[in-house]
Protein backbone atom coordinates (compact mmCIF):
# COMPACT_ATOMS: atom_id res chain seq x y z
CA MET A 1 -25.58 -35.37 -35.88
CA LYS A 2 -22.02 -34.08 -36.03
CA LEU A 3 -21.33 -30.34 -36.23
CA THR A 4 -18.04 -28.55 -36.78
CA MET A 5 -16.89 -25.59 -34.72
CA GLY A 6 -13.44 -24.16 -35.25
CA LYS A 7 -11.09 -27.07 -35.86
CA GLN A 8 -13.19 -29.67 -34.05
CA GLU A 9 -16.17 -31.85 -34.88
CA MET A 10 -18.65 -32.53 -32.08
CA GLU A 11 -21.61 -34.86 -31.79
CA LEU A 12 -24.86 -33.09 -30.92
CA GLY A 13 -26.16 -34.72 -27.75
CA GLY A 14 -22.69 -35.84 -26.70
CA GLN A 15 -20.35 -34.66 -23.95
CA TYR A 16 -19.27 -31.47 -25.68
CA LEU A 17 -22.37 -30.25 -27.51
CA GLY A 18 -25.96 -30.01 -26.30
CA THR A 19 -29.13 -28.05 -27.03
CA LEU A 20 -30.06 -24.60 -25.75
CA ARG A 21 -33.24 -24.32 -23.67
CA GLU A 22 -35.98 -21.78 -24.29
CA ALA A 23 -37.04 -19.06 -21.85
CA ASN A 24 -40.42 -18.09 -23.34
CA ASP A 25 -42.27 -19.49 -20.33
CA LEU A 26 -40.54 -16.85 -18.17
CA LEU A 27 -41.35 -13.77 -20.25
CA ASP A 28 -43.93 -12.44 -17.79
CA ASP A 29 -41.58 -12.82 -14.82
CA PRO A 30 -38.49 -10.54 -14.95
CA ALA A 31 -37.14 -11.98 -11.71
CA ALA A 32 -37.24 -15.47 -13.19
CA LEU A 33 -35.53 -14.21 -16.34
CA HIS A 34 -32.70 -12.82 -14.22
CA GLU A 35 -32.41 -16.09 -12.34
CA ARG A 36 -32.17 -17.95 -15.64
CA MET A 37 -29.58 -15.48 -16.94
CA GLN A 38 -27.49 -15.95 -13.80
CA GLU A 39 -27.80 -19.72 -14.09
CA ASP A 40 -27.22 -20.21 -17.82
CA GLY A 41 -25.63 -16.96 -19.01
CA TYR A 42 -28.23 -16.58 -21.77
CA LEU A 43 -31.92 -16.37 -22.69
CA LEU A 44 -33.25 -18.06 -25.82
CA ILE A 45 -36.50 -16.38 -26.78
CA ARG A 46 -38.51 -17.71 -29.67
CA GLY A 47 -40.43 -15.21 -31.77
CA LEU A 48 -39.45 -12.03 -29.93
CA HIS A 49 -39.26 -10.15 -33.22
CA ASP A 50 -42.05 -9.79 -35.73
CA PRO A 51 -40.97 -12.12 -38.57
CA ALA A 52 -42.20 -9.57 -41.10
CA LYS A 53 -39.69 -7.03 -39.74
CA VAL A 54 -36.91 -9.61 -39.87
CA LYS A 55 -37.79 -10.39 -43.47
CA GLU A 56 -37.60 -6.71 -44.44
CA ALA A 57 -34.21 -6.24 -42.77
CA ARG A 58 -32.97 -9.41 -44.49
CA ARG A 59 -34.14 -8.10 -47.85
CA VAL A 60 -32.07 -4.92 -47.42
CA VAL A 61 -28.95 -6.94 -46.64
CA ILE A 62 -29.40 -9.40 -49.50
CA GLU A 63 -30.05 -6.61 -52.00
CA ASN A 64 -26.78 -5.02 -50.91
CA LEU A 65 -24.91 -8.32 -51.30
CA ASP A 66 -26.51 -8.76 -54.71
CA ALA A 67 -25.44 -5.27 -55.82
CA ASN A 68 -21.87 -6.32 -54.98
CA GLY A 69 -22.12 -9.47 -57.10
CA GLN A 70 -22.13 -11.82 -54.12
CA ILE A 71 -25.42 -13.65 -54.80
CA ASP A 72 -25.89 -16.67 -57.09
CA HIS A 73 -28.73 -15.87 -59.50
CA ASN A 74 -29.39 -19.55 -60.17
CA TYR A 75 -31.47 -19.48 -56.98
CA PRO A 76 -34.23 -17.18 -55.74
CA LEU A 77 -32.73 -13.94 -54.46
CA GLU A 78 -34.33 -14.24 -51.02
CA GLU A 79 -32.43 -17.48 -50.35
CA GLY A 80 -29.14 -15.55 -50.26
CA VAL A 81 -27.09 -18.28 -51.96
CA ALA A 82 -23.45 -17.30 -52.23
CA ALA A 83 -22.04 -16.80 -55.71
CA GLU A 84 -19.10 -19.05 -56.53
CA GLY A 85 -15.87 -17.72 -55.06
CA LYS A 86 -17.60 -14.88 -53.24
CA ARG A 87 -17.43 -14.17 -49.52
CA GLY A 88 -19.85 -12.28 -47.34
CA GLY A 89 -18.04 -10.54 -44.52
CA PHE A 90 -18.53 -8.09 -41.70
CA LEU A 91 -20.89 -5.23 -42.56
CA GLY A 92 -21.04 -3.50 -39.18
CA GLY A 93 -19.73 -0.20 -40.44
CA ALA A 94 -22.09 -0.14 -43.41
CA LYS A 95 -24.55 2.51 -42.22
CA ALA A 96 -26.21 2.45 -45.63
CA ILE A 97 -27.56 -0.93 -44.50
CA THR A 98 -27.62 -0.84 -40.71
CA HIS A 99 -29.29 2.56 -40.45
CA THR A 100 -32.05 1.99 -42.94
CA PRO A 101 -35.62 2.23 -41.61
CA GLU A 102 -36.04 -1.51 -42.17
CA PHE A 103 -32.97 -2.47 -40.13
CA LEU A 104 -33.47 0.03 -37.31
CA GLY A 105 -37.17 -0.82 -37.21
CA LEU A 106 -36.09 -4.32 -36.23
CA VAL A 107 -33.19 -3.83 -33.80
CA GLU A 108 -34.59 -0.67 -32.21
CA GLY A 109 -38.23 -1.66 -32.54
CA ASN A 110 -40.81 -1.86 -29.81
CA GLU A 111 -40.51 -5.64 -29.36
CA VAL A 112 -36.86 -5.66 -28.36
CA MET A 113 -36.73 -2.27 -26.62
CA SER A 114 -39.75 -3.01 -24.44
CA PHE A 115 -38.28 -6.40 -23.54
CA PHE A 116 -35.08 -4.81 -22.26
CA GLU A 117 -36.98 -2.07 -20.43
CA ARG A 118 -38.85 -4.75 -18.52
CA PHE A 119 -35.80 -6.94 -18.03
CA LEU A 120 -33.58 -4.08 -16.80
CA ASN A 121 -36.39 -2.20 -15.05
CA GLY A 122 -35.59 1.19 -16.54
CA ALA A 123 -34.96 3.25 -19.64
CA VAL A 124 -32.49 1.53 -21.96
CA LEU A 125 -30.15 2.53 -24.74
CA THR A 126 -28.83 0.47 -27.61
CA TYR A 127 -25.44 1.17 -29.13
CA ASN A 128 -25.63 3.22 -32.32
CA TYR A 129 -23.06 0.97 -33.95
CA LYS A 130 -24.69 -2.18 -35.30
CA TRP A 131 -22.79 -5.41 -35.89
CA LEU A 132 -23.93 -7.20 -39.04
CA ARG A 133 -22.45 -10.34 -40.60
CA ALA A 134 -23.00 -12.38 -43.72
CA VAL A 135 -21.10 -15.55 -42.87
CA SER A 136 -20.00 -17.40 -45.98
CA PRO A 137 -20.35 -21.15 -46.57
CA GLY A 138 -17.53 -22.98 -44.82
CA GLU A 139 -16.87 -20.27 -42.24
CA SER A 140 -17.33 -20.06 -38.48
CA THR A 141 -16.45 -17.75 -35.60
CA GLY A 142 -13.98 -18.57 -32.83
CA ALA A 143 -14.80 -18.56 -29.12
CA HIS A 144 -14.70 -15.20 -27.34
CA TYR A 145 -16.17 -12.92 -24.68
CA ASP A 146 -17.80 -9.72 -25.94
CA ILE A 147 -16.37 -7.74 -23.02
CA VAL A 148 -12.92 -7.55 -24.64
CA TYR A 149 -14.43 -5.50 -27.48
CA MET A 150 -16.77 -3.22 -25.52
CA GLY A 151 -15.77 -3.12 -21.87
CA ARG A 152 -15.17 0.59 -21.21
CA GLY A 153 -18.61 1.34 -19.86
CA THR A 154 -20.88 -0.67 -17.63
CA LYS A 155 -20.31 -4.42 -17.59
CA ASN A 156 -24.10 -4.88 -17.52
CA VAL A 157 -24.44 -4.85 -21.29
CA TYR A 158 -26.36 -7.57 -23.09
CA THR A 159 -25.82 -8.87 -26.59
CA CYS A 160 -28.91 -9.74 -28.60
CA TRP A 161 -28.07 -12.06 -31.50
CA THR A 162 -30.76 -11.92 -34.17
CA PRO A 163 -30.60 -14.23 -37.16
CA LEU A 164 -32.00 -12.50 -40.23
CA GLY A 165 -33.76 -15.58 -41.52
CA ASP A 166 -34.06 -19.20 -40.53
CA VAL A 167 -30.74 -20.70 -39.40
CA PRO A 168 -30.90 -24.49 -39.15
CA LEU A 169 -27.98 -26.35 -37.62
CA GLU A 170 -26.28 -26.89 -40.96
CA ALA A 171 -26.26 -23.14 -41.67
CA GLY A 172 -23.94 -22.26 -38.77
CA PRO A 173 -25.95 -20.89 -35.82
CA LEU A 174 -24.38 -19.37 -32.74
CA ALA A 175 -23.18 -21.70 -29.98
CA LEU A 176 -22.61 -20.79 -26.32
CA LEU A 177 -20.30 -22.38 -23.76
CA ILE A 178 -22.70 -22.86 -20.87
CA GLY A 179 -21.11 -22.03 -17.53
CA SER A 180 -18.43 -19.81 -19.07
CA HIS A 181 -19.83 -16.70 -17.36
CA ARG A 182 -18.54 -18.28 -14.14
CA PHE A 183 -15.00 -19.01 -15.35
CA GLU A 184 -13.47 -16.67 -12.76
CA ARG A 185 -9.83 -17.17 -13.79
CA VAL A 186 -10.67 -16.50 -17.42
CA LYS A 187 -12.79 -13.47 -16.49
CA LYS A 188 -9.96 -11.94 -14.44
CA THR A 189 -7.40 -12.36 -17.23
CA TYR A 190 -8.82 -12.54 -20.72
CA GLY A 191 -12.04 -10.89 -19.53
CA GLU A 192 -10.15 -7.74 -18.46
CA MET A 193 -8.43 -7.35 -21.81
CA ASP A 194 -9.20 -4.51 -24.23
CA VAL A 195 -8.39 -5.25 -27.86
CA ASP A 196 -7.68 -1.60 -28.74
CA ARG A 197 -5.50 -1.00 -25.69
CA ASP A 198 -3.66 -4.32 -25.64
CA HIS A 199 -3.31 -5.16 -29.35
CA VAL A 200 -4.18 -8.78 -28.64
CA GLU A 201 -6.18 -11.11 -30.87
CA GLY A 202 -9.82 -11.16 -29.81
CA TRP A 203 -10.71 -14.85 -30.07
CA PHE A 204 -9.85 -16.84 -26.96
CA SER A 205 -9.77 -20.18 -28.75
CA ASN A 206 -10.65 -21.93 -31.98
CA ASP A 207 -10.75 -25.30 -30.23
CA PRO A 208 -14.09 -25.82 -28.45
CA ILE A 209 -13.16 -29.21 -27.04
CA GLU A 210 -10.01 -27.85 -25.44
CA LEU A 211 -12.08 -25.22 -23.66
CA VAL A 212 -14.44 -27.79 -22.18
CA ASN A 213 -11.61 -30.09 -21.14
CA HIS A 214 -9.70 -27.32 -19.40
CA HIS A 215 -12.47 -25.14 -18.01
CA GLY A 216 -15.68 -27.19 -17.97
CA GLY A 217 -19.15 -26.45 -19.24
CA GLN A 218 -20.79 -27.63 -22.44
CA TRP A 219 -21.31 -25.99 -25.81
CA GLN A 220 -24.97 -25.65 -26.76
CA THR A 221 -26.78 -24.56 -29.90
CA THR A 222 -30.12 -25.02 -31.66
CA ASP A 223 -32.04 -24.38 -34.86
CA PHE A 224 -33.26 -20.79 -35.17
CA GLN A 225 -36.29 -19.47 -36.99
CA MET A 226 -37.05 -15.99 -38.21
CA GLY A 227 -37.98 -13.89 -35.17
CA ASP A 228 -35.93 -15.83 -32.60
CA VAL A 229 -33.21 -14.13 -30.53
CA LEU A 230 -30.39 -15.23 -28.26
CA ILE A 231 -29.55 -12.79 -25.45
CA PHE A 232 -26.41 -13.23 -23.36
CA THR A 233 -23.94 -11.51 -21.05
CA MET A 234 -20.60 -9.89 -21.82
CA PHE A 235 -18.91 -12.88 -20.15
CA THR A 236 -20.71 -15.69 -21.99
CA MET A 237 -18.19 -17.45 -24.23
CA HIS A 238 -19.60 -17.95 -27.68
CA GLY A 239 -18.72 -18.68 -31.28
CA SER A 240 -20.51 -20.23 -34.22
CA ILE A 241 -20.99 -23.59 -35.86
CA ARG A 242 -19.48 -23.89 -39.33
CA ASN A 243 -21.86 -22.84 -42.08
CA ASN A 244 -22.25 -26.01 -44.15
CA SER A 245 -25.05 -24.62 -46.31
CA ASN A 246 -24.68 -22.93 -49.71
CA HIS A 247 -26.07 -19.60 -48.53
CA TYR A 248 -24.91 -16.76 -46.32
CA ARG A 249 -25.82 -16.98 -42.64
CA ILE A 250 -26.99 -13.41 -42.07
CA SER A 251 -27.25 -12.17 -38.50
CA THR A 252 -26.85 -9.07 -36.40
CA ASP A 253 -25.51 -8.46 -32.90
CA THR A 254 -26.96 -5.47 -31.09
CA ARG A 255 -26.21 -4.31 -27.55
CA TYR A 256 -28.52 -3.00 -24.83
CA GLN A 257 -27.98 -1.51 -21.37
CA LEU A 258 -29.57 0.84 -18.89
CA ALA A 259 -29.40 4.42 -20.16
CA SER A 260 -28.41 5.56 -16.66
CA GLU A 261 -25.15 3.57 -16.71
CA PRO A 262 -21.94 4.57 -18.55
CA ALA A 263 -21.60 3.38 -22.14
CA ASP A 264 -18.45 2.49 -24.07
CA GLU A 265 -17.76 5.65 -26.07
CA ARG A 266 -16.51 3.69 -29.08
CA TRP A 267 -20.00 2.50 -29.98
CA ILE A 268 -22.34 5.43 -29.37
CA GLY A 269 -23.10 8.71 -31.13
CA ASP A 270 -23.88 9.69 -34.71
CA ASN A 271 -20.50 8.46 -35.95
CA PRO A 272 -19.12 5.92 -33.48
CA LEU A 273 -15.34 5.70 -33.24
CA ALA A 274 -15.39 1.88 -33.29
CA HIS A 275 -12.06 0.03 -33.02
CA TYR A 276 -9.27 2.53 -33.58
CA ALA A 277 -6.12 0.54 -32.73
CA TRP A 278 -6.99 -3.15 -32.82
CA GLN A 279 -5.31 -5.00 -35.69
CA ASN A 280 -3.19 -1.94 -36.46
CA GLY A 281 0.52 -2.68 -36.23
CA GLU A 282 2.08 -5.61 -34.41
CA MET A 283 -0.38 -7.88 -32.63
CA VAL A 284 0.14 -10.14 -29.64
CA SER A 285 -1.10 -13.69 -30.18
CA MET A 286 -3.76 -15.14 -27.92
CA GLU A 287 -1.60 -18.24 -27.48
CA GLU A 288 1.14 -16.09 -25.94
CA MET A 289 -1.28 -14.29 -23.64
CA ARG A 290 -2.98 -17.50 -22.49
CA GLN A 291 0.39 -18.92 -21.49
CA LYS A 292 1.15 -15.72 -19.60
CA TRP A 293 -2.24 -15.78 -17.86
CA GLY A 294 -2.10 -19.50 -17.14
CA VAL A 295 -5.50 -20.17 -18.72
């Protein structure tokens, strides 16, 4: 099966694209989970969330998209089929969605919070800002580290990617570049960037094959079902497979860390500042910076 990411097509099971492995057998052993995280840079956990909670959060998002005329009524509403010519988009700042009881009940619910309390062995906080996306048919996300967007506090922050619904391979699931959390040259250049401070594009590359050829590793992805999560480090390179379905790929990224460690002030509080300078004014291209860094 061939899947498209960025401007490249890759064969699943080939040199460049493989399948993520599950970590459910390690759930009762935090030390083993940390070993796996250090080894792979991620944890794939099936069924961490209650599917009923995921379904409720999904309903809130789809109803919002429908109110904006973005849903095709020739299909059942819950399928989230994109209306002709309509795009989804980034809904992270939409508190009317991301701070509803249904949404917060999922991403701040007992299942995920208790997991991180066990994993981090202490009280945890999750950023008040919630990242929510409805990825349109035909779209994908370029490869990047999360640290460049939220690196002003502790580096021991974890992203939890939660698909709000089933996401088969053709619907554009997330893909990770396995081994990228050990790309020391990239970490010491691109990984020390701050998009608000440096006015540089955030995506490191839109060419997944080039990254493997120059830095190593392998891209990996999988089918996701309602309730599954993918947890990874700030230095795990990731992007998404192109959404080749006719519906929106709806997902949320939420961040978790020990409450005792410093948090990036842009993403916490009742009204998080968020990005205040990135994409304002003249931007520096990533191509220019990569040449400067030699990566």
